[in-house]
């Protein structure tokens, strides 16, 4: 069985209508909240330290 670990990085999540830099792509805070809710509901979230422990010593990635 193969396992996949995906990472997500957000650079900008802010109220876009108030930004001084409209040409920079970003999410509105409402879109950001919706995405985080979806991720929490449908995926197992692990910390960077959990991932490092798994890579270095094979520690379990099971959520408590």
PDB file of N, CA and C in Angstrom:
ATOM      1  N   UNK A   1       0.842  -1.173   0.000  1.00  0.00           N
ATOM      2  CA  UNK A   1       0.000   0.000   0.000  1.00  0.00           C
ATOM      3  C   UNK A   1       0.892   1.242   0.000  1.00  0.00           C
ATOM      4  N   UNK A   2       0.604   2.172  -0.884  1.00  0.00           N
ATOM      5  CA  UNK A   2       1.383   3.402  -0.908  1.00  0.00           C
ATOM      6  C   UNK A   2       0.700   4.458  -0.040  1.00  0.00           C
ATOM      7  N   UNK A   3       1.510   5.333   0.510  1.00  0.00           N
ATOM      8  CA  UNK A   3       0.992   6.426   1.332  1.00  0.00           C
ATOM      9  C   UNK A   3       1.440   7.728   0.706  1.00  0.00           C
ATOM     10  N   UNK A   4       0.601   8.694   0.775  1.00  0.00           N
ATOM     11  CA  UNK A   4       0.890   9.999   0.197  1.00  0.00           C
ATOM     12  C   UNK A   4       0.824  11.041   1.305  1.00  0.00           C
ATOM     13  N   UNK A   5       1.821  11.889   1.335  1.00  0.00           N
ATOM     14  CA  UNK A   5       1.816  13.026   2.247  1.00  0.00           C
ATOM     15  C   UNK A   5       1.832  14.277   1.395  1.00  0.00           C
ATOM     16  N   UNK A   6       0.838  15.109   1.581  1.00  0.00           N
ATOM     17  CA  UNK A   6       0.739  16.369   0.838  1.00  0.00           C
ATOM     18  C   UNK A   6       0.983  17.518   1.794  1.00  0.00           C
ATOM     19  N   UNK A   7       1.595  18.559   1.288  1.00  0.00           N
ATOM     20  CA  UNK A   7       1.776  19.763   2.097  1.00  0.00           C
ATOM     21  C   UNK A   7       1.052  20.921   1.425  1.00  0.00           C
ATOM     22  N   UNK A   8       0.566  21.814   2.237  1.00  0.00           N
ATOM     23  CA  UNK A   8      -0.131  22.997   1.736  1.00  0.00           C
ATOM     24  C   UNK A   8       0.531  24.209   2.364  1.00  0.00           C
ATOM     25  N   UNK A   9       0.826  25.183   1.535  1.00  0.00           N
ATOM     26  CA  UNK A   9       1.440  26.417   2.012  1.00  0.00           C
ATOM     27  C   UNK A   9       0.594  27.598   1.562  1.00  0.00           C
ATOM     28  N   UNK A  10       0.248  28.440   2.476  1.00  0.00           N
ATOM     29  CA  UNK A  10      -0.488  29.667   2.157  1.00  0.00           C
ATOM     30  C   UNK A  10       0.460  30.841   2.318  1.00  0.00           C
ATOM     31  N   UNK A  11       0.496  31.678   1.311  1.00  0.00           N
ATOM     32  CA  UNK A  11       1.327  32.875   1.381  1.00  0.00           C
ATOM     33  C   UNK A  11       0.498  34.098   1.762  1.00  0.00           C
ATOM     34  N   UNK A  12      -0.725  34.159   1.250  1.00  0.00           N
ATOM     35  CA  UNK A  12      -1.576  35.303   1.541  1.00  0.00           C
ATOM     36  C   UNK A  12      -3.008  34.846   1.789  1.00  0.00           C
ATOM     37  N   UNK A  13      -3.546  35.200   2.918  1.00  0.00           N
ATOM     38  CA  UNK A  13      -4.960  35.028   3.237  1.00  0.00           C
ATOM     39  C   UNK A  13      -5.361  36.301   3.961  1.00  0.00           C
ATOM     40  N   UNK A  14      -6.132  37.111   3.300  1.00  0.00           N
ATOM     41  CA  UNK A  14      -6.483  38.419   3.863  1.00  0.00           C
ATOM     42  C   UNK A  14      -7.742  38.941   3.184  1.00  0.00           C
ATOM     43  N   UNK A  15      -8.258  40.024   3.684  1.00  0.00           N
ATOM     44  CA  UNK A  15      -9.405  40.669   3.052  1.00  0.00           C
ATOM     45  C   UNK A  15      -8.915  41.361   1.777  1.00  0.00           C
ATOM     46  N   UNK A  16      -9.166  40.725   0.644  1.00  0.00           N
ATOM     47  CA  UNK A  16      -8.617  41.200  -0.617  1.00  0.00           C
ATOM     48  C   UNK A  16      -9.119  42.587  -1.020  1.00  0.00           C
ATOM     49  N   UNK A  17     -10.335  42.910  -0.644  1.00  0.00           N
ATOM     50  CA  UNK A  17     -10.858  44.217  -1.054  1.00  0.00           C
ATOM     51  C   UNK A  17     -10.141  45.375  -0.375  1.00  0.00           C
ATOM     52  N   UNK A  18      -9.414  45.083   0.706  1.00  0.00           N
ATOM     53  CA  UNK A  18      -8.695  46.140   1.418  1.00  0.00           C
ATOM     54  C   UNK A  18      -7.192  46.137   1.177  1.00  0.00           C
ATOM     55  N   UNK A  19      -6.696  45.250   0.328  1.00  0.00           N
ATOM     56  CA  UNK A  19      -5.263  45.125   0.137  1.00  0.00           C
ATOM     57  C   UNK A  19      -4.674  46.284  -0.670  1.00  0.00           C
ATOM     58  N   UNK A  20      -3.444  46.610  -0.370  1.00  0.00           N
ATOM     59  CA  UNK A  20      -2.730  47.623  -1.145  1.00  0.00           C
ATOM     60  C   UNK A  20      -2.093  47.012  -2.385  1.00  0.00           C
ATOM     61  N   UNK A  21      -2.098  45.685  -2.486  1.00  0.00           N
ATOM     62  CA  UNK A  21      -1.437  44.990  -3.589  1.00  0.00           C
ATOM     63  C   UNK A  21      -2.415  44.045  -4.280  1.00  0.00           C
ATOM     64  N   UNK A  22      -3.370  44.567  -5.041  1.00  0.00           N
ATOM     65  CA  UNK A  22      -4.400  43.723  -5.648  1.00  0.00           C
ATOM     66  C   UNK A  22      -3.867  42.743  -6.690  1.00  0.00           C
ATOM     67  N   UNK A  23      -2.678  42.987  -7.228  1.00  0.00           N
ATOM     68  CA  UNK A  23      -2.126  42.088  -8.247  1.00  0.00           C
ATOM     69  C   UNK A  23      -1.548  40.802  -7.649  1.00  0.00           C
ATOM     70  N   UNK A  24      -1.330  40.769  -6.335  1.00  0.00           N
ATOM     71  CA  UNK A  24      -0.838  39.561  -5.682  1.00  0.00           C
ATOM     72  C   UNK A  24      -2.030  38.655  -5.408  1.00  0.00           C
ATOM     73  N   UNK A  25      -1.939  37.425  -5.897  1.00  0.00           N
ATOM     74  CA  UNK A  25      -3.033  36.478  -5.687  1.00  0.00           C
ATOM     75  C   UNK A  25      -3.088  36.065  -4.223  1.00  0.00           C
ATOM     76  N   UNK A  26      -4.274  35.849  -3.755  1.00  0.00           N
ATOM     77  CA  UNK A  26      -4.451  35.417  -2.376  1.00  0.00           C
ATOM     78  C   UNK A  26      -5.878  34.974  -2.156  1.00  0.00           C
ATOM     79  N   UNK A  27      -6.140  34.444  -0.999  1.00  0.00           N
ATOM     80  CA  UNK A  27      -7.480  34.035  -0.604  1.00  0.00           C
ATOM     81  C   UNK A  27      -8.066  35.077   0.326  1.00  0.00           C
ATOM     82  N   UNK A  28      -9.364  35.216   0.242  1.00  0.00           N
ATOM     83  CA  UNK A  28     -10.027  36.031   1.260  1.00  0.00           C
ATOM     84  C   UNK A  28      -9.999  35.238   2.557  1.00  0.00           C
ATOM     85  N   UNK A  29     -10.189  35.907   3.650  1.00  0.00           N
ATOM     86  CA  UNK A  29     -10.175  35.190   4.929  1.00  0.00           C
ATOM     87  C   UNK A  29     -11.316  34.182   4.991  1.00  0.00           C
ATOM     88  N   UNK A  30     -12.454  34.481   4.365  1.00  0.00           N
ATOM     89  CA  UNK A  30     -13.577  33.541   4.355  1.00  0.00           C
ATOM     90  C   UNK A  30     -13.223  32.285   3.552  1.00  0.00           C
ATOM     91  N   UNK A  31     -12.580  32.446   2.392  1.00  0.00           N
ATOM     92  CA  UNK A  31     -12.152  31.284   1.602  1.00  0.00           C
ATOM     93  C   UNK A  31     -11.120  30.454   2.367  1.00  0.00           C
ATOM     94  N   UNK A  32     -10.225  31.130   3.063  1.00  0.00           N
ATOM     95  CA  UNK A  32      -9.220  30.437   3.858  1.00  0.00           C
ATOM     96  C   UNK A  32      -9.891  29.591   4.944  1.00  0.00           C
ATOM     97  N   UNK A  33     -10.839  30.164   5.657  1.00  0.00           N
ATOM     98  CA  UNK A  33     -11.555  29.432   6.706  1.00  0.00           C
ATOM     99  C   UNK A  33     -12.285  28.221   6.125  1.00  0.00           C
ATOM    100  N   UNK A  34     -12.906  28.382   4.959  1.00  0.00           N
ATOM    101  CA  UNK A  34     -13.607  27.269   4.314  1.00  0.00           C
ATOM    102  C   UNK A  34     -12.638  26.145   3.948  1.00  0.00           C
ATOM    103  N   UNK A  35     -11.485  26.504   3.406  1.00  0.00           N
ATOM    104  CA  UNK A  35     -10.503  25.491   3.045  1.00  0.00           C
ATOM    105  C   UNK A  35      -9.965  24.763   4.272  1.00  0.00           C
ATOM    106  N   UNK A  36      -9.689  25.482   5.323  1.00  0.00           N
ATOM    107  CA  UNK A  36      -9.193  24.848   6.549  1.00  0.00           C
ATOM    108  C   UNK A  36     -10.250  23.904   7.121  1.00  0.00           C
ATOM    109  N   UNK A  37     -11.507  24.298   7.100  1.00  0.00           N
ATOM    110  CA  UNK A  37     -12.583  23.418   7.578  1.00  0.00           C
ATOM    111  C   UNK A  37     -12.637  22.139   6.752  1.00  0.00           C
ATOM    112  N   UNK A  38     -12.541  22.265   5.443  1.00  0.00           N
ATOM    113  CA  UNK A  38     -12.541  21.098   4.550  1.00  0.00           C
ATOM    114  C   UNK A  38     -11.354  20.182   4.856  1.00  0.00           C
ATOM    115  N   UNK A  39     -10.183  20.761   4.997  1.00  0.00           N
ATOM    116  CA  UNK A  39      -8.978  19.969   5.269  1.00  0.00           C
ATOM    117  C   UNK A  39      -9.123  19.235   6.602  1.00  0.00           C
ATOM    118  N   UNK A  40      -9.577  19.917   7.634  1.00  0.00           N
ATOM    119  CA  UNK A  40      -9.752  19.288   8.950  1.00  0.00           C
ATOM    120  C   UNK A  40     -10.759  18.144   8.902  1.00  0.00           C
ATOM    121  N   UNK A  41     -11.800  18.312   8.091  1.00  0.00           N
ATOM    122  CA  UNK A  41     -12.864  17.318   8.015  1.00  0.00           C
ATOM    123  C   UNK A  41     -12.438  16.075   7.225  1.00  0.00           C
ATOM    124  N   UNK A  42     -11.690  16.265   6.140  1.00  0.00           N
ATOM    125  CA  UNK A  42     -11.445  15.174   5.192  1.00  0.00           C
ATOM    126  C   UNK A  42     -10.021  14.624   5.172  1.00  0.00           C
ATOM    127  N   UNK A  43      -9.127  15.173   5.961  1.00  0.00           N
ATOM    128  CA  UNK A  43      -7.741  14.721   5.936  1.00  0.00           C
ATOM    129  C   UNK A  43      -7.190  14.574   7.349  1.00  0.00           C
ATOM    130  N   UNK A  44      -6.162  13.760   7.498  1.00  0.00           N
ATOM    131  CA  UNK A  44      -5.434  13.651   8.758  1.00  0.00           C
ATOM    132  C   UNK A  44      -4.330  14.697   8.736  1.00  0.00           C
ATOM    133  N   UNK A  45      -4.318  15.523   9.742  1.00  0.00           N
ATOM    134  CA  UNK A  45      -3.331  16.600   9.820  1.00  0.00           C
ATOM    135  C   UNK A  45      -2.233  16.182  10.782  1.00  0.00           C
ATOM    136  N   UNK A  46      -0.995  16.326  10.343  1.00  0.00           N
ATOM    137  CA  UNK A  46       0.154  16.025  11.194  1.00  0.00           C
ATOM    138  C   UNK A  46       1.049  17.254  11.268  1.00  0.00           C
ATOM    139  N   UNK A  47       1.847  17.302  12.303  1.00  0.00           N
ATOM    140  CA  UNK A  47       2.770  18.429  12.459  1.00  0.00           C
ATOM    141  C   UNK A  47       4.069  18.144  11.707  1.00  0.00           C
ATOM    142  N   UNK A  48       4.837  19.166  11.538  1.00  0.00           N
ATOM    143  CA  UNK A  48       6.161  19.020  10.922  1.00  0.00           C
ATOM    144  C   UNK A  48       7.013  18.077  11.765  1.00  0.00           C
ATOM    145  N   UNK A  49       6.922  18.177  13.090  1.00  0.00           N
ATOM    146  CA  UNK A  49       7.697  17.288  13.960  1.00  0.00           C
ATOM    147  C   UNK A  49       7.269  15.832  13.809  1.00  0.00           C
ATOM    148  N   UNK A  50       5.952  15.601  13.628  1.00  0.00           N
ATOM    149  CA  UNK A  50       5.480  14.241  13.376  1.00  0.00           C
ATOM    150  C   UNK A  50       6.099  13.689  12.091  1.00  0.00           C
ATOM    151  N   UNK A  51       6.121  14.491  11.056  1.00  0.00           N
ATOM    152  CA  UNK A  51       6.691  14.058   9.777  1.00  0.00           C
ATOM    153  C   UNK A  51       8.179  13.764   9.913  1.00  0.00           C
ATOM    154  N   UNK A  52       8.902  14.624  10.599  1.00  0.00           N
ATOM    155  CA  UNK A  52      10.346  14.414  10.796  1.00  0.00           C
ATOM    156  C   UNK A  52      10.581  13.121  11.574  1.00  0.00           C
ATOM    157  N   UNK A  53       9.795  12.881  12.616  1.00  0.00           N
ATOM    158  CA  UNK A  53       9.929  11.641  13.378  1.00  0.00           C
ATOM    159  C   UNK A  53       9.656  10.421  12.527  1.00  0.00           C
ATOM    160  N   UNK A  54       8.662  10.500  11.657  1.00  0.00           N
ATOM    161  CA  UNK A  54       8.342   9.397  10.772  1.00  0.00           C
ATOM    162  C   UNK A  54       9.483   9.128   9.795  1.00  0.00           C
ATOM    163  N   UNK A  55      10.021  10.171   9.190  1.00  0.00           N
ATOM    164  CA  UNK A  55      11.104  10.013   8.214  1.00  0.00           C
ATOM    165  C   UNK A  55      12.369   9.493   8.886  1.00  0.00           C
ATOM    166  N   UNK A  56      12.702  10.034  10.054  1.00  0.00           N
ATOM    167  CA  UNK A  56      13.958   9.665  10.704  1.00  0.00           C
ATOM    168  C   UNK A  56      13.930   8.322  11.422  1.00  0.00           C
ATOM    169  N   UNK A  57      12.783   7.967  12.014  1.00  0.00           N
ATOM    170  CA  UNK A  57      12.790   6.750  12.829  1.00  0.00           C
ATOM    171  C   UNK A  57      11.585   5.842  12.602  1.00  0.00           C
ATOM    172  N   UNK A  58      10.736   6.166  11.649  1.00  0.00           N
ATOM    173  CA  UNK A  58       9.599   5.324  11.365  1.00  0.00           C
ATOM    174  C   UNK A  58       8.482   5.414  12.383  1.00  0.00           C
ATOM    175  N   UNK A  59       8.467   6.482  13.191  1.00  0.00           N
ATOM    176  CA  UNK A  59       7.397   6.670  14.171  1.00  0.00           C
ATOM    177  C   UNK A  59       6.041   6.663  13.474  1.00  0.00           C
ATOM    178  N   UNK A  60       5.023   6.250  14.185  1.00  0.00           N
ATOM    179  CA  UNK A  60       3.681   6.178  13.631  1.00  0.00           C
ATOM    180  C   UNK A  60       3.144   7.582  13.329  1.00  0.00           C
ATOM    181  N   UNK A  61       2.328   7.668  12.284  1.00  0.00           N
ATOM    182  CA  UNK A  61       1.668   8.921  11.952  1.00  0.00           C
ATOM    183  C   UNK A  61       0.193   8.898  12.342  1.00  0.00           C
ATOM    184  N   UNK A  62      -0.189   7.945  13.148  1.00  0.00           N
ATOM    185  CA  UNK A  62      -1.588   7.833  13.563  1.00  0.00           C
ATOM    186  C   UNK A  62      -1.962   8.970  14.484  1.00  0.00           C
ATOM    187  N   UNK A  63      -3.144   9.512  14.259  1.00  0.00           N
ATOM    188  CA  UNK A  63      -3.654  10.545  15.160  1.00  0.00           C
ATOM    189  C   UNK A  63      -4.085   9.910  16.479  1.00  0.00           C
ATOM    190  N   UNK A  64      -3.885  10.610  17.602  1.00  0.00           N
ATOM    191  CA  UNK A  64      -4.287  10.051  18.901  1.00  0.00           C
ATOM    192  C   UNK A  64      -5.780   9.883  18.985  1.00  0.00           C
TER     193      UNK A  64
END
